């Protein structure tokens, strides 16, 4: 009789978010999109985007057979540097389509490019990420795999000696929240720095940049595509849902939470900002963290956005039989088609 369930229900869910999508024509959509995008940028508390240079540095170069793997370093903010793997097909047809491939929780960018935490080559099964950046580079794309802030080699010093999959998300997120910043905002900013980097590379086509992210990487790439229209097409894997059915239904990492955001929009509204650009949603039937029922609700709402714009064919989905994992059975080829067209 004393549980707070009714309190939470009334406080959190009694009113629809202010910018819950309800437009019926393109004029209303345009007004909705401008207003919600402004709110999203504010709530993310994006860092200052005016910078002199990313000052890219090539750290290593490895021949991987049919592609080359480079390790570079970018300056993304004062006192903040980000390593990235850049995969390039040996038979590159410049200017080539490019993809930013964002990791979720795990041991960072190495996990996506076929390496173990110590940098040695992994043998055996690729795991939940299915080495998807390698799948994309073998389809002819340049692929940038950034090390997300708080993962892998970018953990805080007190976490560096812990098990490889332990992250620094909690410390980073809570410290940033205490000064009115967000970890999601810094991560989105750094993905936008990756777009900046690609647009400076003569080998990459500036107007054919896509993105793909899984789990927490899906959050980051989905929000990046929502605010950065330089991204031509996006794949969000293992994340799209409603807040009620996923992030507010069970424990998730602190990096997911952005103050006040639910007062303005639910997750499908935010990802709806990507419209009318191509968007592919991938989710597993057995994904416990992001249940398929919530994913289907979100996709239904996304379809209303694309329908108003007459862009129904630009939103596609794959409900695969797996758990919380990348599938790729349709998304890899779909993304390449969008960027090669």
Foldseek 3Di string as FASTA:
>chain_A
DPDCPVVCCCVQPVDAAALQDDDQADVVVVVSLVVLLVVLCLLQVAPDLDDDFQPKDWDDWADPDQKIWTWIKGDQDVVDIKIKIKIAGPPADFLFFEEEEEEDFFLFQLLLQQADLVGHGHDDQSPQARSLVVVQNVVRYIYIYIGQQFHHPNNDPVCNPDDSRDTNQVVVQVVQVVVSHGSLSHRLSVVVVVLVVQVPDRNHDQQQYAYEYAARGLVNRLLNLLNDVSHQEYERELHAFWCVQAPVPDPDGSNNDTPPSSNHYTRLVSSLSNPPGAYEYEYECAAPRHHPVRNVVSLVSSCVSNVSVVRNVRYYYDHHHDYRGDDPPPVSVVSSVSRVD
